[in-house]
């Protein structure tokens, strides 16, 4: 007889620091018999389960009453749906039922939030769950491609799960009100190629400094979304836990974290990482710092476009890399217009001959519209893209951030 898989306290100590293990072990445990309903869609989330023994099925029910499996939880795993929705103080959208006799630890949602802030191993645990579920979606998608007779039912399940992944991704993006707080006038044009995106924007306010980034993570869709999630988490950690004052210091710290996490991956490749343009704006002293990994910054001043070049290396592993990203310090003048962006707009295929839009045309477009109100600029970008793309598919995620100095 095969030995039963049990997640013991000894195994807890292998992945969590001792102080966190102590907190986990004082949480209540519950025995759940096979077939017992653990959660109903619409329930409040009063506890986040960690499976010690057994198996729990997490699923949704379609309009015809069919159960659509989202994932199974086995020993050593938790429920990413419960974690995410408890952070948003939302009710659970899913059902859960014990498949076998199951033992769970019930963690308070408030404790989970505290642990995300205080324990790096808990953050790693949560992100590994997210990565696991996203990888499962990719595997399911491959199965759908091979099983044409089941493609409709399977694709509906997968798309629903990926849409949920988009909700998770949106939940971790910073609120745009951060820029309102530091009196920054801006627009964000964000158009993912797929449901989830490898491009992401990020903001923070730190010691009266506004920190703004436009990043393009490796890939798009599910792989890019996971790397973008790591990027947001790392940037939050860097700016909240360290005394960071320049854009280059932030990118240097971000590169170190990305390289460390990709070294731990069995499937690590030298392409894991991201391109990024990041600026630190000091409104009080009218100064701006910029550092870039492949992605430049455009500054339009006195009817002249100035390109601040990025370093030709990514945030991540690279064969020939500089010790530090270059930090550009720029004086800010009234009515300066600043653009941070990914390469998605310039790379979009379209026009009469189905060619790329190209960087030169993108630069000229920004110059042509820079005197308009920022809301009008965003609208014009949307119109030009739609006209250029026509009936062709979008080839990459697209992200543009426009900022106007006051």
Protein backbone atom coordinates (compact mmCIF):
# COMPACT_ATOMS: atom_id res chain seq x y z
CA UNK A 1 0.00 0.00 0.00
CA UNK A 2 1.32 3.44 -0.95
CA UNK A 3 2.25 5.67 1.97
CA UNK A 4 -0.25 8.49 2.54
CA UNK A 5 1.03 11.96 1.70
CA UNK A 6 0.92 14.08 4.87
CA UNK A 7 2.22 17.63 5.31
CA UNK A 8 3.90 17.34 8.72
CA UNK A 9 5.22 20.10 11.02
CA UNK A 10 8.71 19.00 9.94
CA UNK A 11 7.82 19.80 6.33
CA UNK A 12 6.46 23.19 7.43
CA UNK A 13 9.87 23.95 8.92
CA UNK A 14 11.53 23.16 5.59
CA UNK A 15 9.76 25.99 3.73
CA UNK A 16 8.84 28.57 6.41
CA UNK A 17 11.01 30.42 8.92
CA UNK A 18 10.67 29.25 12.55
CA UNK A 19 8.67 32.26 13.74
CA UNK A 20 6.10 31.74 10.98
CA UNK A 21 5.88 28.00 11.69
CA UNK A 22 5.06 28.84 15.31
CA UNK A 23 2.24 31.13 14.16
CA UNK A 24 0.89 28.57 11.72
CA UNK A 25 0.84 25.77 14.28
CA UNK A 26 -1.29 27.76 16.76
CA UNK A 27 -3.98 28.13 14.08
CA UNK A 28 -6.94 25.74 14.52
CA UNK A 29 -7.04 22.43 12.68
CA UNK A 30 -10.13 20.72 11.29
CA UNK A 31 -10.97 17.21 10.13
CA UNK A 32 -13.15 17.22 7.00
CA UNK A 33 -14.72 13.91 5.89
CA UNK A 34 -14.77 12.93 2.23
CA UNK A 35 -17.70 14.46 0.36
CA UNK A 36 -18.20 17.32 2.81
CA UNK A 37 -18.69 20.77 1.30
CA UNK A 38 -15.92 23.09 2.47
CA UNK A 39 -17.06 26.32 0.77
CA UNK A 40 -20.03 27.61 -1.22
CA UNK A 41 -19.87 30.39 -3.79
CA UNK A 42 -20.99 33.62 -2.11
CA UNK A 43 -19.68 32.64 1.34
CA UNK A 44 -17.62 35.03 3.43
CA UNK A 45 -13.98 33.96 3.64
CA UNK A 46 -13.38 33.34 7.33
CA UNK A 47 -10.29 31.13 6.97
CA UNK A 48 -7.60 30.23 4.46
CA UNK A 49 -6.86 26.49 4.40
CA UNK A 50 -3.47 24.81 4.38
CA UNK A 51 -3.92 21.13 3.49
CA UNK A 52 -2.11 18.75 5.85
CA UNK A 53 -3.69 15.52 4.60
CA UNK A 54 -6.20 14.57 1.92
CA UNK A 55 -7.51 16.34 -1.16
CA UNK A 56 -9.97 19.20 -1.79
CA UNK A 57 -11.53 20.07 -5.14
CA UNK A 58 -12.08 23.77 -5.93
CA UNK A 59 -14.65 24.32 -8.67
CA UNK A 60 -17.36 26.47 -10.19
CA UNK A 61 -20.79 25.53 -11.48
CA UNK A 62 -21.91 26.61 -14.95
CA UNK A 63 -25.40 27.63 -16.03
CA UNK A 64 -26.27 24.00 -16.78
CA UNK A 65 -25.22 22.79 -13.34
CA UNK A 66 -21.97 21.20 -14.51
CA UNK A 67 -19.02 21.35 -12.16
CA UNK A 68 -15.95 23.03 -13.69
CA UNK A 69 -12.79 22.14 -11.79
CA UNK A 70 -10.49 25.10 -11.16
CA UNK A 71 -7.85 23.12 -9.29
CA UNK A 72 -7.30 20.46 -6.62
CA UNK A 73 -5.56 21.20 -3.33
CA UNK A 74 -3.23 18.52 -1.96
CA UNK A 75 -0.98 18.39 1.14
CA UNK A 76 1.29 21.42 1.40
CA UNK A 77 -0.97 23.63 -0.70
CA UNK A 78 -3.44 26.41 -0.01
CA UNK A 79 -6.21 28.17 -1.91
CA UNK A 80 -5.05 31.16 -4.00
CA UNK A 81 -8.70 32.14 -4.57
CA UNK A 82 -9.27 32.43 -0.82
CA UNK A 83 -6.04 34.38 -0.36
CA UNK A 84 -6.80 36.86 -3.15
CA UNK A 85 -10.47 37.47 -2.34
CA UNK A 86 -9.81 37.80 1.39
CA UNK A 87 -7.26 40.53 0.58
CA UNK A 88 -10.00 42.35 -1.35
CA UNK A 89 -12.55 41.61 1.42
CA UNK A 90 -14.73 39.86 -1.15
CA UNK A 91 -16.85 36.74 -0.91
CA UNK A 92 -15.57 33.55 -2.48
CA UNK A 93 -16.68 32.96 -6.10
CA UNK A 94 -15.94 29.22 -5.93
CA UNK A 95 -17.11 25.99 -4.33
CA UNK A 96 -14.85 23.53 -2.51
CA UNK A 97 -15.45 19.91 -1.49
CA UNK A 98 -13.28 17.31 0.23
CA UNK A 99 -12.50 14.44 -2.17
CA UNK A 100 -10.94 12.29 0.57
CA UNK A 101 -10.85 12.54 4.34
CA UNK A 102 -8.90 15.73 4.82
CA UNK A 103 -7.09 17.60 7.60
CA UNK A 104 -6.61 21.36 7.22
CA UNK A 105 -5.05 24.22 9.15
CA UNK A 106 -7.38 27.23 9.14
CA UNK A 107 -5.44 30.49 8.85
CA UNK A 108 -7.11 33.80 9.63
CA UNK A 109 -7.27 36.09 6.57
CA UNK A 110 -5.91 38.90 8.75
CA UNK A 111 -2.94 36.71 9.63
CA UNK A 112 -2.31 35.95 5.96
CA UNK A 113 -2.20 39.68 5.20
CA UNK A 114 0.24 40.25 8.08
CA UNK A 115 2.43 37.38 6.90
CA UNK A 116 2.61 38.80 3.37
CA UNK A 117 4.13 41.95 4.89
CA UNK A 118 6.33 40.28 7.51
CA UNK A 119 7.52 36.95 6.15
CA UNK A 120 9.38 36.49 2.87
CA UNK A 121 8.75 32.73 2.91
CA UNK A 122 4.97 33.30 3.05
CA UNK A 123 5.20 35.68 0.05
CA UNK A 124 7.22 33.04 -1.80
CA UNK A 125 4.63 30.40 -0.86
CA UNK A 126 1.76 32.53 -2.19
CA UNK A 127 3.57 33.38 -5.44
CA UNK A 128 4.50 29.72 -5.95
CA UNK A 129 0.80 28.84 -5.65
CA UNK A 130 -0.03 31.48 -8.27
CA UNK A 131 2.70 30.14 -10.56
CA UNK A 132 1.49 26.55 -10.02
CA UNK A 133 -2.08 27.42 -10.97
CA UNK A 134 -1.00 29.42 -14.04
CA UNK A 135 1.20 26.55 -15.23
CA UNK A 136 -1.73 24.20 -14.78
CA UNK A 137 -3.77 26.45 -17.05
CA UNK A 138 -1.11 26.23 -19.75
CA UNK A 139 -1.06 22.44 -19.48
CA UNK A 140 -4.84 22.34 -19.70
CA UNK A 141 -4.71 24.51 -22.80
CA UNK A 142 -2.38 21.98 -24.47
CA UNK A 143 -4.81 19.20 -23.62
CA UNK A 144 -7.65 21.18 -25.19
CA UNK A 145 -5.68 21.53 -28.42
CA UNK A 146 -5.26 17.76 -28.62
CA UNK A 147 -8.81 16.87 -27.68
CA UNK A 148 -10.90 18.65 -30.29
CA UNK A 149 -14.09 16.85 -29.27
CA UNK A 150 -13.92 18.51 -25.84
CA UNK A 151 -12.55 21.87 -26.92
CA UNK A 152 -15.58 24.01 -26.22
CA UNK A 153 -16.11 22.87 -22.64
CA UNK A 154 -12.39 22.92 -21.80
CA UNK A 155 -11.69 26.31 -23.39
CA UNK A 156 -14.56 27.89 -21.47
CA UNK A 157 -13.09 26.57 -18.24
CA UNK A 158 -9.59 27.77 -19.11
CA UNK A 159 -10.71 31.22 -20.25
CA UNK A 160 -12.71 31.64 -17.07
CA UNK A 161 -9.66 30.70 -15.02
CA UNK A 162 -7.39 33.05 -17.00
CA UNK A 163 -9.92 35.86 -16.54
CA UNK A 164 -9.67 35.18 -12.85
CA UNK A 165 -5.88 35.38 -13.17
CA UNK A 166 -6.40 38.83 -14.69
CA UNK A 167 -8.33 39.83 -11.57
CA UNK A 168 -5.42 38.70 -9.44
CA UNK A 169 -3.00 40.68 -11.61
CA UNK A 170 -5.15 43.82 -11.43
CA UNK A 171 -5.46 43.46 -7.67
CA UNK A 172 -1.71 43.80 -7.11
CA UNK A 173 -1.23 46.83 -9.39
CA UNK A 174 -0.87 50.06 -7.39
CA UNK A 175 -3.85 52.45 -7.25
CA UNK A 176 -3.52 55.40 -9.60
CA UNK A 177 -4.56 57.67 -6.71
CA UNK A 178 -0.91 57.55 -5.63
CA UNK A 179 -0.11 59.97 -8.46
CA UNK A 180 -3.01 62.21 -7.51
CA UNK A 181 -1.56 62.38 -4.00
CA UNK A 182 1.75 63.79 -5.27
CA UNK A 183 0.02 66.14 -7.74
CA UNK A 184 1.12 64.35 -10.92
CA UNK A 185 -0.93 64.83 -14.11
CA UNK A 186 -0.87 61.62 -16.18
CA UNK A 187 -2.55 59.16 -18.53
CA UNK A 188 -2.14 55.38 -18.79
CA UNK A 189 -2.76 53.55 -22.07
CA UNK A 190 -2.64 49.85 -21.19
CA UNK A 191 -3.79 47.30 -23.78
CA UNK A 192 -2.87 43.64 -23.10
CA UNK A 193 -2.58 41.32 -26.09
CA UNK A 194 -4.22 38.51 -24.14
CA UNK A 195 -6.47 38.44 -21.10
CA UNK A 196 -3.44 38.73 -18.83
CA UNK A 197 -0.42 40.87 -19.63
CA UNK A 198 3.37 40.93 -19.40
CA UNK A 199 3.41 44.74 -19.49
CA UNK A 200 2.66 46.47 -16.21
CA UNK A 201 2.70 49.96 -14.76
CA UNK A 202 3.81 50.70 -11.22
CA UNK A 203 3.73 53.75 -8.94
CA UNK A 204 4.87 54.55 -5.43
CA UNK A 205 5.15 57.60 -3.20
CA UNK A 206 8.29 57.60 -1.03
CA UNK A 207 9.56 60.54 1.03
CA UNK A 208 7.65 63.04 -1.18
CA UNK A 209 9.07 61.39 -4.31
CA UNK A 210 6.83 59.98 -7.04
CA UNK A 211 8.26 56.77 -8.49
CA UNK A 212 6.75 55.71 -11.83
CA UNK A 213 7.62 52.72 -14.01
CA UNK A 214 6.50 51.15 -17.28
CA UNK A 215 7.75 47.58 -17.57
CA UNK A 216 7.67 44.83 -20.18
CA UNK A 217 8.18 41.40 -18.60
CA UNK A 218 9.44 38.38 -20.52
CA UNK A 219 6.66 37.05 -22.74
CA UNK A 220 2.99 37.91 -22.67
CA UNK A 221 -0.09 36.08 -21.55
CA UNK A 222 0.32 33.74 -18.58
CA UNK A 223 4.19 33.62 -18.40
CA UNK A 224 4.46 37.40 -18.71
CA UNK A 225 1.73 37.90 -16.13
CA UNK A 226 3.60 35.83 -13.55
CA UNK A 227 6.84 37.75 -14.13
CA UNK A 228 4.92 41.04 -13.87
CA UNK A 229 3.46 39.89 -10.55
CA UNK A 230 6.98 39.26 -9.26
CA UNK A 231 8.07 42.67 -10.58
CA UNK A 232 5.31 44.50 -8.72
CA UNK A 233 6.07 42.60 -5.51
CA UNK A 234 9.81 43.26 -5.73
CA UNK A 235 9.34 46.98 -6.47
CA UNK A 236 6.98 47.31 -3.49
CA UNK A 237 9.54 45.59 -1.27
CA UNK A 238 12.47 47.66 -2.54
CA UNK A 239 10.79 51.03 -2.05
CA UNK A 240 9.18 50.22 1.31
CA UNK A 241 12.04 48.43 3.05
CA UNK A 242 15.10 50.30 1.81
CA UNK A 243 16.36 53.86 1.69
CA UNK A 244 16.24 54.25 -2.09
CA UNK A 245 16.65 57.66 -3.68
CA UNK A 246 17.66 57.17 -7.32
CA UNK A 247 16.18 55.30 -10.26
CA UNK A 248 19.38 53.33 -10.85
CA UNK A 249 19.43 52.07 -7.25
CA UNK A 250 15.89 50.75 -7.68
CA UNK A 251 16.76 48.94 -10.93
CA UNK A 252 19.96 47.51 -9.45
CA UNK A 253 18.00 46.09 -6.52
CA UNK A 254 15.26 44.83 -8.82
CA UNK A 255 17.81 43.09 -11.06
CA UNK A 256 19.37 41.32 -8.07
CA UNK A 257 15.98 39.99 -6.95
CA UNK A 258 14.95 38.87 -10.44
CA UNK A 259 18.27 37.06 -10.94
CA UNK A 260 17.96 35.38 -7.55
CA UNK A 261 14.45 34.08 -8.22
CA UNK A 262 15.24 32.88 -11.75
CA UNK A 263 18.31 30.99 -10.49
CA UNK A 264 15.95 28.98 -8.27
CA UNK A 265 13.85 27.93 -11.26
CA UNK A 266 14.55 24.54 -12.79
CA UNK A 267 13.46 25.94 -16.16
CA UNK A 268 15.58 29.09 -15.82
CA UNK A 269 16.66 30.71 -19.08
CA UNK A 270 18.84 33.75 -19.70
CA UNK A 271 15.77 35.53 -21.10
CA UNK A 272 13.86 35.64 -17.81
CA UNK A 273 13.43 39.23 -16.68
CA UNK A 274 12.01 42.49 -17.95
CA UNK A 275 12.68 45.70 -19.84
CA UNK A 276 11.69 48.80 -17.93
CA UNK A 277 11.74 52.60 -17.88
CA UNK A 278 11.64 54.03 -14.34
CA UNK A 279 11.64 57.62 -13.16
CA UNK A 280 11.79 59.21 -9.72
CA UNK A 281 10.15 62.65 -9.73
CA UNK A 282 10.92 65.23 -7.04
CA UNK A 283 8.21 67.85 -7.54
CA UNK A 284 9.44 69.97 -4.65
CA UNK A 285 12.97 70.44 -6.04
CA UNK A 286 11.96 70.14 -9.71
CA UNK A 287 14.29 67.20 -10.34
CA UNK A 288 13.82 63.85 -12.02
CA UNK A 289 15.93 60.70 -12.01
CA UNK A 290 15.58 58.14 -14.81
CA UNK A 291 17.08 54.72 -15.40
CA UNK A 292 16.12 52.28 -18.12
CA UNK A 293 16.64 48.68 -19.15
CA UNK A 294 16.30 48.74 -22.97
CA UNK A 295 13.31 51.14 -22.76
CA UNK A 296 14.17 54.86 -23.14
CA UNK A 297 12.36 57.93 -21.82
CA UNK A 298 11.02 60.65 -24.11
CA UNK A 299 10.98 64.23 -22.83
CA UNK A 300 9.31 66.94 -24.92
CA UNK A 301 10.35 70.46 -23.90
CA UNK A 302 9.97 73.73 -25.76
CA UNK A 303 8.65 71.92 -28.81
CA UNK A 304 11.67 69.59 -28.97
CA UNK A 305 11.72 65.83 -28.32
CA UNK A 306 14.67 64.62 -26.26
CA UNK A 307 15.39 60.90 -25.96
CA UNK A 308 17.07 59.77 -22.75
CA UNK A 309 18.66 56.47 -23.70
CA UNK A 310 18.35 53.30 -21.67
CA UNK A 311 21.12 50.84 -20.87
CA UNK A 312 21.25 48.00 -23.39
CA UNK A 313 20.64 45.25 -20.85
CA UNK A 314 17.51 43.86 -19.19
CA UNK A 315 16.52 43.59 -15.56
CA UNK A 316 17.55 39.96 -15.26
CA UNK A 317 20.23 37.60 -16.48
CA UNK A 318 22.44 38.92 -19.26
CA UNK A 319 25.73 37.72 -20.75
CA UNK A 320 27.44 41.12 -20.72
CA UNK A 321 26.04 43.43 -18.09
CA UNK A 322 27.21 46.63 -16.45
CA UNK A 323 27.71 46.77 -12.70
CA UNK A 324 25.01 49.42 -12.39
CA UNK A 325 22.27 50.95 -14.47
CA UNK A 326 22.94 54.54 -15.49
CA UNK A 327 21.20 57.18 -13.40
CA UNK A 328 20.17 60.26 -15.41
CA UNK A 329 19.35 63.38 -13.37
CA UNK A 330 17.17 65.90 -15.22
CA UNK A 331 15.86 69.32 -14.21
CA UNK A 332 12.10 69.60 -14.62
CA UNK A 333 10.64 72.66 -16.30
CA UNK A 334 6.99 73.76 -16.48
CA UNK A 335 4.97 72.05 -19.24
CA UNK A 336 7.54 69.29 -19.78
CA UNK A 337 5.81 66.19 -21.15
CA UNK A 338 7.35 62.83 -20.30
CA UNK A 339 6.58 59.42 -21.83
CA UNK A 340 7.41 55.95 -20.52
CA UNK A 341 6.41 52.97 -22.65
CA UNK A 342 6.97 49.40 -23.77
CA UNK A 343 7.72 48.42 -27.38
CA UNK A 344 4.24 47.09 -28.12
CA UNK A 345 2.87 50.12 -30.00
CA UNK A 346 5.91 50.48 -32.26
CA UNK A 347 5.93 46.73 -33.01
CA UNK A 348 2.25 46.51 -33.98
CA UNK A 349 1.71 45.24 -37.51
CA UNK A 350 -0.69 47.13 -39.74
CA UNK A 351 -1.11 49.68 -42.48
CA UNK A 352 -1.59 48.94 -46.17
CA UNK A 353 1.44 46.64 -46.31
CA UNK A 354 1.07 44.94 -42.93
CA UNK A 355 4.34 46.30 -41.54
CA UNK A 356 5.43 47.41 -38.08
CA UNK A 357 4.41 50.89 -36.96
CA UNK A 358 8.10 51.51 -36.11
CA UNK A 359 9.80 53.53 -33.38
CA UNK A 360 10.35 56.60 -35.60
CA UNK A 361 6.63 56.89 -36.39
CA UNK A 362 5.76 56.34 -32.73
CA UNK A 363 8.11 59.13 -31.70
CA UNK A 364 6.63 61.48 -34.31
CA UNK A 365 3.10 60.61 -33.16
CA UNK A 366 3.92 61.51 -29.56
CA UNK A 367 5.45 64.79 -30.70
CA UNK A 368 2.39 65.63 -32.81
CA UNK A 369 -0.01 65.14 -29.89
CA UNK A 370 2.08 66.32 -26.93
CA UNK A 371 0.39 69.75 -26.66
CA UNK A 372 -3.08 68.21 -26.29
CA UNK A 373 -4.67 67.50 -22.93
CA UNK A 374 -3.46 64.17 -21.60
CA UNK A 375 -6.91 62.61 -21.89
CA UNK A 376 -7.03 63.67 -25.56
CA UNK A 377 -3.55 62.23 -26.10
CA UNK A 378 -4.68 58.84 -24.83
CA UNK A 379 -7.76 58.95 -27.06
CA UNK A 380 -5.63 59.85 -30.09
CA UNK A 381 -3.25 56.95 -29.41
CA UNK A 382 -6.20 54.56 -29.24
CA UNK A 383 -7.59 55.89 -32.53
CA UNK A 384 -4.26 55.73 -34.38
CA UNK A 385 -3.61 52.19 -33.14
CA UNK A 386 -7.07 50.96 -34.17
CA UNK A 387 -6.74 52.55 -37.62
CA UNK A 388 -3.23 51.15 -38.14
CA UNK A 389 -4.02 47.65 -36.86
CA UNK A 390 -7.22 47.23 -38.82
CA UNK A 391 -8.28 43.57 -38.86
CA UNK A 392 -4.84 42.24 -37.89
CA UNK A 393 -4.20 40.60 -34.53
CA UNK A 394 -2.46 42.53 -31.79
CA UNK A 395 1.12 41.22 -31.67
CA UNK A 396 2.24 42.31 -28.20
CA UNK A 397 1.10 43.97 -24.98
CA UNK A 398 0.98 47.77 -25.24
CA UNK A 399 1.71 50.22 -22.42
CA UNK A 400 2.25 54.00 -22.58
CA UNK A 401 2.36 56.40 -19.62
CA UNK A 402 2.20 60.14 -20.26
CA UNK A 403 3.17 62.66 -17.56
CA UNK A 404 2.95 66.45 -17.61
CA UNK A 405 5.05 68.61 -15.31
CA UNK A 406 3.31 71.38 -13.39
